Amino acid sequence: MNEYQDYWSSTGSITISNMSKPDLHNLVQMGETAFVEFKQKVASPEKLAREIAAFANCDGGMILIGVGDRGELIGLETYLEEEFWLQKAAAEECIPPVNITVELFQHGQRDILIVKVPEAEQKPVYVKGHKRRKVYVRVQDASVEASDEYIEVLKQGSSDEGVTFEYGEKEQILFRYLKEYSEITVKEFSNIAYINTYRASKILINLVSAGVLDLFERDGKAHYTFSVKTA
């Protein structure tokens, strides 16, 4: 209990949510998405850190604690322990720490925690691991480990330096392929452009950072397609 006492002596009181009951019900009825995650309870700060980091590495999001996988408003008997693990996950398991906001929604005699995760200003946000730090991103309604290419894109996106690209022979080959097949992987680009995968990856990552291409993860592999902004 000492660590809980230390925590509560140094933290401020939790914020009462101003979300209405209809708004909460509408949010839950939409199900889990790229921006919303349900948790019946906090299993461990390590697992929760993955969700927090994934949202922070994308466009931010919201975690509802006390809600079942199917949207059941189960609630918590008390929020104290859950809120403690939440803050521990965000402050100690995420590198750099993520400044989450935790709000309390009272559902009858039980509580639901609304955890708001902002998009990180400096990416990527890593999660501590037993052997190495990992990066997670949000893909549809799941938090998945990011590929090395995705991590490089996150790093370049946080860089203050402008990104430019050359429209050369390899880029022409790439664009013709994308017009016909809509998406491509590093290995596929390497094969059609007759270059090694390292150079193929650098070209694709640079084009993503320049806003020409979009990157998405599928089956643990990075795929590239024309950016919706330039399509």
C-alpha atoms as a PDB file:
ATOM      1  CA  MET A   1       0.000   0.000   0.000  1.00  0.00           C
ATOM      2  CA  ASN A   2       2.944   2.359   0.492  1.00  0.00           C
ATOM      3  CA  GLU A   3       3.372   2.978  -3.243  1.00  0.00           C
ATOM      4  CA  TYR A   4      -0.325   3.874  -3.536  1.00  0.00           C
ATOM      5  CA  GLN A   5      -0.035   6.265  -0.598  1.00  0.00           C
ATOM      6  CA  ASP A   6       3.026   7.880  -2.174  1.00  0.00           C
ATOM      7  CA  TYR A   7       1.168   8.230  -5.454  1.00  0.00           C
ATOM      8  CA  TRP A   8      -1.966   9.798  -4.009  1.00  0.00           C
ATOM      9  CA  SER A   9       0.068  12.218  -1.921  1.00  0.00           C
ATOM     10  CA  SER A  10       1.702  13.588  -5.077  1.00  0.00           C
ATOM     11  CA  THR A  11      -1.126  13.577  -7.618  1.00  0.00           C
ATOM     12  CA  GLY A  12      -4.090  15.872  -8.115  1.00  0.00           C
ATOM     13  CA  SER A  13      -7.701  14.781  -7.902  1.00  0.00           C
ATOM     14  CA  ILE A  14      -9.225  13.040 -10.893  1.00  0.00           C
ATOM     15  CA  THR A  15     -11.366  15.123 -13.271  1.00  0.00           C
ATOM     16  CA  ILE A  16     -15.098  14.469 -13.511  1.00  0.00           C
ATOM     17  CA  SER A  17     -16.063  13.978 -17.152  1.00  0.00           C
ATOM     18  CA  ASN A  18     -18.538  16.381 -18.718  1.00  0.00           C
ATOM     19  CA  MET A  19     -19.511  13.756 -21.325  1.00  0.00           C
ATOM     20  CA  SER A  20     -23.257  13.133 -21.341  1.00  0.00           C
ATOM     21  CA  LYS A  21     -24.767   9.651 -21.025  1.00  0.00           C
ATOM     22  CA  PRO A  22     -26.133   9.744 -24.605  1.00  0.00           C
ATOM     23  CA  ASP A  23     -22.700  10.750 -25.924  1.00  0.00           C
ATOM     24  CA  LEU A  24     -21.026   7.897 -24.050  1.00  0.00           C
ATOM     25  CA  HIS A  25     -23.610   5.390 -25.318  1.00  0.00           C
ATOM     26  CA  ASN A  26     -23.160   6.629 -28.895  1.00  0.00           C
ATOM     27  CA  LEU A  27     -19.386   6.372 -28.581  1.00  0.00           C
ATOM     28  CA  VAL A  28     -19.584   2.821 -27.237  1.00  0.00           C
ATOM     29  CA  GLN A  29     -22.099   1.720 -29.871  1.00  0.00           C
ATOM     30  CA  MET A  30     -19.600   2.615 -32.606  1.00  0.00           C
ATOM     31  CA  GLY A  31     -17.295  -0.068 -31.207  1.00  0.00           C
ATOM     32  CA  GLU A  32     -13.516  -0.075 -31.102  1.00  0.00           C
ATOM     33  CA  THR A  33     -11.911   1.971 -33.857  1.00  0.00           C
ATOM     34  CA  ALA A  34      -8.568   3.514 -34.768  1.00  0.00           C
ATOM     35  CA  PHE A  35      -9.325   6.151 -32.115  1.00  0.00           C
ATOM     36  CA  VAL A  36     -11.197   4.221 -29.389  1.00  0.00           C
ATOM     37  CA  GLU A  37     -10.200   1.190 -27.297  1.00  0.00           C
ATOM     38  CA  PHE A  38     -12.267  -0.682 -24.666  1.00  0.00           C
ATOM     39  CA  LYS A  39     -10.785  -2.231 -21.526  1.00  0.00           C
ATOM     40  CA  GLN A  40     -12.843  -4.007 -18.867  1.00  0.00           C
ATOM     41  CA  LYS A  41     -10.016  -3.375 -16.401  1.00  0.00           C
ATOM     42  CA  VAL A  42      -6.290  -2.649 -16.335  1.00  0.00           C
ATOM     43  CA  ALA A  43      -4.456  -5.976 -16.516  1.00  0.00           C
ATOM     44  CA  SER A  44      -0.987  -4.470 -16.146  1.00  0.00           C
ATOM     45  CA  PRO A  45       0.751  -1.149 -16.833  1.00  0.00           C
ATOM     46  CA  GLU A  46       2.963  -2.882 -19.405  1.00  0.00           C
ATOM     47  CA  LYS A  47       0.027  -3.969 -21.566  1.00  0.00           C
ATOM     48  CA  LEU A  48      -1.762  -0.662 -21.178  1.00  0.00           C
ATOM     49  CA  ALA A  49       1.389   1.194 -22.255  1.00  0.00           C
ATOM     50  CA  ARG A  50       1.081  -0.439 -25.683  1.00  0.00           C
ATOM     51  CA  GLU A  51      -2.343   1.126 -26.209  1.00  0.00           C
ATOM     52  CA  ILE A  52      -1.203   4.516 -24.948  1.00  0.00           C
ATOM     53  CA  ALA A  53       1.922   4.529 -27.121  1.00  0.00           C
ATOM     54  CA  ALA A  54       0.008   3.333 -30.196  1.00  0.00           C
ATOM     55  CA  PHE A  55      -2.440   6.236 -29.959  1.00  0.00           C
ATOM     56  CA  ALA A  56       0.374   8.698 -29.236  1.00  0.00           C
ATOM     57  CA  ASN A  57       2.292   7.507 -32.303  1.00  0.00           C
ATOM     58  CA  CYS A  58      -0.754   8.102 -34.514  1.00  0.00           C
ATOM     59  CA  ASP A  59      -3.412  10.798 -34.162  1.00  0.00           C
ATOM     60  CA  GLY A  60      -4.250  10.297 -30.504  1.00  0.00           C
ATOM     61  CA  GLY A  61      -7.254   8.459 -29.134  1.00  0.00           C
ATOM     62  CA  MET A  62      -9.342   7.406 -26.179  1.00  0.00           C
ATOM     63  CA  ILE A  63      -9.310   4.367 -23.879  1.00  0.00           C
ATOM     64  CA  LEU A  64     -12.483   3.530 -21.972  1.00  0.00           C
ATOM     65  CA  ILE A  65     -11.763   1.544 -18.796  1.00  0.00           C
ATOM     66  CA  GLY A  66     -14.749  -0.375 -17.437  1.00  0.00           C
ATOM     67  CA  VAL A  67     -16.191  -1.232 -20.847  1.00  0.00           C
ATOM     68  CA  GLY A  68     -16.294  -4.806 -22.197  1.00  0.00           C
ATOM     69  CA  ASP A  69     -15.063  -5.888 -25.622  1.00  0.00           C
ATOM     70  CA  ARG A  70     -18.625  -5.812 -26.956  1.00  0.00           C
ATOM     71  CA  GLY A  71     -19.371  -2.408 -25.502  1.00  0.00           C
ATOM     72  CA  GLU A  72     -20.943  -3.530 -22.230  1.00  0.00           C
ATOM     73  CA  LEU A  73     -20.867  -0.734 -19.652  1.00  0.00           C
ATOM     74  CA  ILE A  74     -19.564  -2.877 -16.801  1.00  0.00           C
ATOM     75  CA  GLY A  75     -17.854  -0.177 -14.791  1.00  0.00           C
ATOM     76  CA  LEU A  76     -15.375  -0.387 -11.926  1.00  0.00           C
ATOM     77  CA  GLU A  77     -16.103  -0.747  -8.216  1.00  0.00           C
ATOM     78  CA  THR A  78     -13.379   1.821  -7.556  1.00  0.00           C
ATOM     79  CA  TYR A  79     -11.152   3.753  -9.915  1.00  0.00           C
ATOM     80  CA  LEU A  80      -8.203   4.314  -7.567  1.00  0.00           C
ATOM     81  CA  GLU A  81      -6.073   1.300  -8.482  1.00  0.00           C
ATOM     82  CA  GLU A  82      -6.914   1.569 -12.176  1.00  0.00           C
ATOM     83  CA  GLU A  83      -5.978   5.251 -12.280  1.00  0.00           C
ATOM     84  CA  PHE A  84      -2.724   4.475 -10.483  1.00  0.00           C
ATOM     85  CA  TRP A  85      -1.732   1.864 -13.103  1.00  0.00           C
ATOM     86  CA  LEU A  86      -2.749   4.206 -15.910  1.00  0.00           C
ATOM     87  CA  GLN A  87      -0.449   6.952 -14.731  1.00  0.00           C
ATOM     88  CA  LYS A  88       2.339   4.439 -14.139  1.00  0.00           C
ATOM     89  CA  ALA A  89       1.938   3.082 -17.685  1.00  0.00           C
ATOM     90  CA  ALA A  90       2.030   6.545 -19.264  1.00  0.00           C
ATOM     91  CA  ALA A  91       4.844   7.958 -17.126  1.00  0.00           C
ATOM     92  CA  GLU A  92       7.133   4.977 -16.579  1.00  0.00           C
ATOM     93  CA  GLU A  93       6.494   2.410 -19.324  1.00  0.00           C
ATOM     94  CA  CYS A  94       6.348   4.893 -22.232  1.00  0.00           C
ATOM     95  CA  ILE A  95       9.508   6.616 -23.499  1.00  0.00           C
ATOM     96  CA  PRO A  96       9.153   9.564 -23.591  1.00  0.00           C
ATOM     97  CA  PRO A  97       6.282   9.772 -21.076  1.00  0.00           C
ATOM     98  CA  VAL A  98       2.820  10.485 -22.478  1.00  0.00           C
ATOM     99  CA  ASN A  99       0.749  13.197 -20.813  1.00  0.00           C
ATOM    100  CA  ILE A 100      -2.622  11.451 -20.636  1.00  0.00           C
ATOM    101  CA  THR A 101      -5.810  12.923 -19.178  1.00  0.00           C
ATOM    102  CA  VAL A 102      -8.008  10.680 -17.020  1.00  0.00           C
ATOM    103  CA  GLU A 103     -11.668  11.553 -16.489  1.00  0.00           C
ATOM    104  CA  LEU A 104     -14.247   9.841 -14.292  1.00  0.00           C
ATOM    105  CA  PHE A 105     -17.709   9.004 -15.607  1.00  0.00           C
ATOM    106  CA  GLN A 106     -20.152   7.762 -12.978  1.00  0.00           C
ATOM    107  CA  HIS A 107     -22.368   4.950 -14.276  1.00  0.00           C
ATOM    108  CA  GLY A 108     -24.851   4.179 -11.541  1.00  0.00           C
ATOM    109  CA  GLN A 109     -22.938   2.834  -8.553  1.00  0.00           C
ATOM    110  CA  ARG A 110     -19.860   2.079 -10.643  1.00  0.00           C
ATOM    111  CA  ASP A 111     -17.201   4.134 -12.421  1.00  0.00           C
ATOM    112  CA  ILE A 112     -15.900   4.305 -15.973  1.00  0.00           C
ATOM    113  CA  LEU A 113     -12.563   5.941 -16.728  1.00  0.00           C
ATOM    114  CA  ILE A 114     -12.181   7.953 -19.923  1.00  0.00           C
ATOM    115  CA  VAL A 115      -8.504   8.122 -20.805  1.00  0.00           C
ATOM    116  CA  LYS A 116      -7.593  10.723 -23.430  1.00  0.00           C
ATOM    117  CA  VAL A 117      -4.270  10.156 -25.173  1.00  0.00           C
ATOM    118  CA  PRO A 118      -2.837  13.083 -27.166  1.00  0.00           C
ATOM    119  CA  GLU A 119      -0.785  12.696 -30.317  1.00  0.00           C
ATOM    120  CA  ALA A 120       2.889  12.835 -29.374  1.00  0.00           C
ATOM    121  CA  GLU A 121       4.856  15.885 -30.430  1.00  0.00           C
ATOM    122  CA  GLN A 122       8.058  13.829 -30.580  1.00  0.00           C
ATOM    123  CA  LYS A 123       7.729  10.428 -32.229  1.00  0.00           C
ATOM    124  CA  PRO A 124       8.152   7.548 -31.896  1.00  0.00           C
ATOM    125  CA  VAL A 125       6.991   6.807 -28.374  1.00  0.00           C
ATOM    126  CA  TYR A 126       8.639   3.574 -27.256  1.00  0.00           C
ATOM    127  CA  VAL A 127       7.377   0.976 -24.792  1.00  0.00           C
ATOM    128  CA  LYS A 128       9.827  -0.623 -22.386  1.00  0.00           C
ATOM    129  CA  GLY A 129      10.469  -4.330 -22.956  1.00  0.00           C
ATOM    130  CA  HIS A 130      12.402  -7.089 -21.257  1.00  0.00           C
ATOM    131  CA  LYS A 131      15.019  -7.189 -24.023  1.00  0.00           C
ATOM    132  CA  ARG A 132      14.366  -4.115 -26.166  1.00  0.00           C
ATOM    133  CA  ARG A 133      12.100  -1.137 -26.543  1.00  0.00           C
ATOM    134  CA  LYS A 134       9.208  -1.528 -28.989  1.00  0.00           C
ATOM    135  CA  VAL A 135       7.058   0.859 -30.998  1.00  0.00           C
ATOM    136  CA  TYR A 136       3.313   0.346 -31.396  1.00  0.00           C
ATOM    137  CA  VAL A 137       0.883   2.044 -33.767  1.00  0.00           C
ATOM    138  CA  ARG A 138      -2.857   1.945 -34.222  1.00  0.00           C
ATOM    139  CA  VAL A 139      -4.101  -0.118 -37.176  1.00  0.00           C
ATOM    140  CA  GLN A 140      -7.891  -0.033 -37.456  1.00  0.00           C
ATOM    141  CA  ASP A 141      -9.119  -1.280 -34.038  1.00  0.00           C
ATOM    142  CA  ALA A 142      -5.851  -2.829 -32.838  1.00  0.00           C
ATOM    143  CA  SER A 143      -2.490  -1.698 -31.473  1.00  0.00           C
ATOM    144  CA  VAL A 144       0.278  -3.509 -33.352  1.00  0.00           C
ATOM    145  CA  GLU A 145       4.059  -3.443 -33.314  1.00  0.00           C
ATOM    146  CA  ALA A 146       5.396  -1.086 -35.958  1.00  0.00           C
ATOM    147  CA  SER A 147       7.743  -2.227 -38.709  1.00  0.00           C
ATOM    148  CA  ASP A 148      11.236  -0.734 -38.964  1.00  0.00           C
ATOM    149  CA  GLU A 149      10.052   1.313 -41.952  1.00  0.00           C
ATOM    150  CA  TYR A 150       7.120   2.735 -40.035  1.00  0.00           C
ATOM    151  CA  ILE A 151       9.464   3.715 -37.202  1.00  0.00           C
ATOM    152  CA  GLU A 152      11.698   5.584 -39.653  1.00  0.00           C
ATOM    153  CA  VAL A 153       8.682   7.460 -41.009  1.00  0.00           C
ATOM    154  CA  LEU A 154       7.714   8.467 -37.456  1.00  0.00           C
ATOM    155  CA  LYS A 155      11.231   9.737 -36.851  1.00  0.00           C
ATOM    156  CA  GLN A 156      11.312  11.759 -40.063  1.00  0.00           C
ATOM    157  CA  GLY A 157       7.881  13.167 -39.348  1.00  0.00           C
ATOM    158  CA  SER A 158       9.190  14.586 -36.063  1.00  0.00           C
ATOM    159  CA  SER A 159      12.252  16.106 -37.717  1.00  0.00           C
ATOM    160  CA  ASP A 160      12.469  19.882 -38.128  1.00  0.00           C
ATOM    161  CA  GLU A 161      14.193  19.496 -41.490  1.00  0.00           C
ATOM    162  CA  GLY A 162      12.155  19.791 -44.676  1.00  0.00           C
ATOM    163  CA  VAL A 163      11.877  16.736 -46.906  1.00  0.00           C
ATOM    164  CA  THR A 164      12.403  16.864 -50.661  1.00  0.00           C
ATOM    165  CA  PHE A 165      12.599  14.109 -53.241  1.00  0.00           C
ATOM    166  CA  GLU A 166      13.940  13.640 -56.736  1.00  0.00           C
ATOM    167  CA  TYR A 167      11.593  12.470 -59.481  1.00  0.00           C
ATOM    168  CA  GLY A 168      14.040  10.134 -61.146  1.00  0.00           C
ATOM    169  CA  GLU A 169      13.925   6.837 -62.998  1.00  0.00           C
ATOM    170  CA  LYS A 170      13.191   4.726 -59.910  1.00  0.00           C
ATOM    171  CA  GLU A 171      10.404   7.026 -58.808  1.00  0.00           C
ATOM    172  CA  GLN A 172       8.844   6.855 -62.291  1.00  0.00           C
ATOM    173  CA  ILE A 173       8.881   3.056 -62.128  1.00  0.00           C
ATOM    174  CA  LEU A 174       7.291   3.219 -58.684  1.00  0.00           C
ATOM    175  CA  PHE A 175       4.511   5.623 -59.708  1.00  0.00           C
ATOM    176  CA  ARG A 176       3.624   3.587 -62.792  1.00  0.00           C
ATOM    177  CA  TYR A 177       3.345   0.470 -60.625  1.00  0.00           C
ATOM    178  CA  LEU A 178       1.150   2.230 -58.067  1.00  0.00           C
ATOM    179  CA  LYS A 179      -1.188   3.553 -60.763  1.00  0.00           C
ATOM    180  CA  GLU A 180      -1.772  -0.034 -61.857  1.00  0.00           C
ATOM    181  CA  TYR A 181      -1.700  -1.968 -58.571  1.00  0.00           C
ATOM    182  CA  SER A 182      -2.413   0.800 -55.993  1.00  0.00           C
ATOM    183  CA  GLU A 183       0.002  -0.493 -53.333  1.00  0.00           C
ATOM    184  CA  ILE A 184       3.527  -1.844 -53.013  1.00  0.00           C
ATOM    185  CA  THR A 185       5.991  -3.258 -50.464  1.00  0.00           C
ATOM    186  CA  VAL A 186       9.723  -2.635 -50.166  1.00  0.00           C
ATOM    187  CA  LYS A 187      10.525  -6.057 -51.607  1.00  0.00           C
ATOM    188  CA  GLU A 188       8.221  -5.528 -54.584  1.00  0.00           C
ATOM    189  CA  PHE A 189       9.734  -2.109 -55.293  1.00  0.00           C
ATOM    190  CA  SER A 190      13.223  -3.567 -54.964  1.00  0.00           C
ATOM    191  CA  ASN A 191      12.397  -6.223 -57.546  1.00  0.00           C
ATOM    192  CA  ILE A 192      10.810  -3.994 -60.186  1.00  0.00           C
ATOM    193  CA  ALA A 193      13.394  -1.198 -59.838  1.00  0.00           C
ATOM    194  CA  TYR A 194      16.421  -3.546 -59.664  1.00  0.00           C
ATOM    195  CA  ILE A 195      17.760  -1.981 -56.461  1.00  0.00           C
ATOM    196  CA  ASN A 196      18.555  -3.424 -53.045  1.00  0.00           C
ATOM    197  CA  THR A 197      15.926  -3.327 -50.308  1.00  0.00           C
ATOM    198  CA  TYR A 198      17.857  -0.724 -48.319  1.00  0.00           C
ATOM    199  CA  ARG A 199      17.705   1.803 -51.150  1.00  0.00           C
ATOM    200  CA  ALA A 200      14.097   0.875 -51.936  1.00  0.00           C
ATOM    201  CA  SER A 201      13.139   1.468 -48.314  1.00  0.00           C
ATOM    202  CA  LYS A 202      14.916   4.846 -48.219  1.00  0.00           C
ATOM    203  CA  ILE A 203      13.109   6.047 -51.355  1.00  0.00           C
ATOM    204  CA  LEU A 204       9.703   4.946 -50.077  1.00  0.00           C
ATOM    205  CA  ILE A 205      10.205   6.413 -46.596  1.00  0.00           C
ATOM    206  CA  ASN A 206      11.346   9.708 -48.098  1.00  0.00           C
ATOM    207  CA  LEU A 207       8.238   9.859 -50.283  1.00  0.00           C
ATOM    208  CA  VAL A 208       6.028   9.214 -47.252  1.00  0.00           C
ATOM    209  CA  SER A 209       7.778  11.980 -45.301  1.00  0.00           C
ATOM    210  CA  ALA A 210       7.304  14.320 -48.290  1.00  0.00           C
ATOM    211  CA  GLY A 211       3.564  13.607 -48.273  1.00  0.00           C
ATOM    212  CA  VAL A 212       3.543  11.863 -51.654  1.00  0.00           C
ATOM    213  CA  LEU A 213       2.844   8.373 -50.322  1.00  0.00           C
ATOM    214  CA  ASP A 214       0.927   6.940 -47.380  1.00  0.00           C
ATOM    215  CA  LEU A 215       2.173   4.012 -45.303  1.00  0.00           C
ATOM    216  CA  PHE A 216      -0.017   1.412 -43.635  1.00  0.00           C
ATOM    217  CA  GLU A 217       0.705  -1.825 -41.792  1.00  0.00           C
ATOM    218  CA  ARG A 218      -0.885  -5.133 -42.773  1.00  0.00           C
ATOM    219  CA  ASP A 219       0.076  -8.598 -41.554  1.00  0.00           C
ATOM    220  CA  GLY A 220       3.190  -7.201 -39.921  1.00  0.00           C
ATOM    221  CA  LYS A 221       4.459  -5.670 -43.150  1.00  0.00           C
ATOM    222  CA  ALA A 222       4.594  -2.079 -44.393  1.00  0.00           C
ATOM    223  CA  HIS A 223       2.624  -1.241 -47.556  1.00  0.00           C
ATOM    224  CA  TYR A 224       2.795   1.989 -49.535  1.00  0.00           C
ATOM    225  CA  THR A 225       0.142   3.706 -51.606  1.00  0.00           C
ATOM    226  CA  PHE A 226      -0.480   7.160 -53.069  1.00  0.00           C
ATOM    227  CA  SER A 227      -1.341   9.700 -50.383  1.00  0.00           C
ATOM    228  CA  VAL A 228      -5.013  10.606 -50.201  1.00  0.00           C
ATOM    229  CA  LYS A 229      -3.848  14.231 -50.144  1.00  0.00           C
ATOM    230  CA  THR A 230      -2.220  13.936 -53.567  1.00  0.00           C
ATOM    231  CA  ALA A 231      -4.536  11.376 -55.172  1.00  0.00           C
END
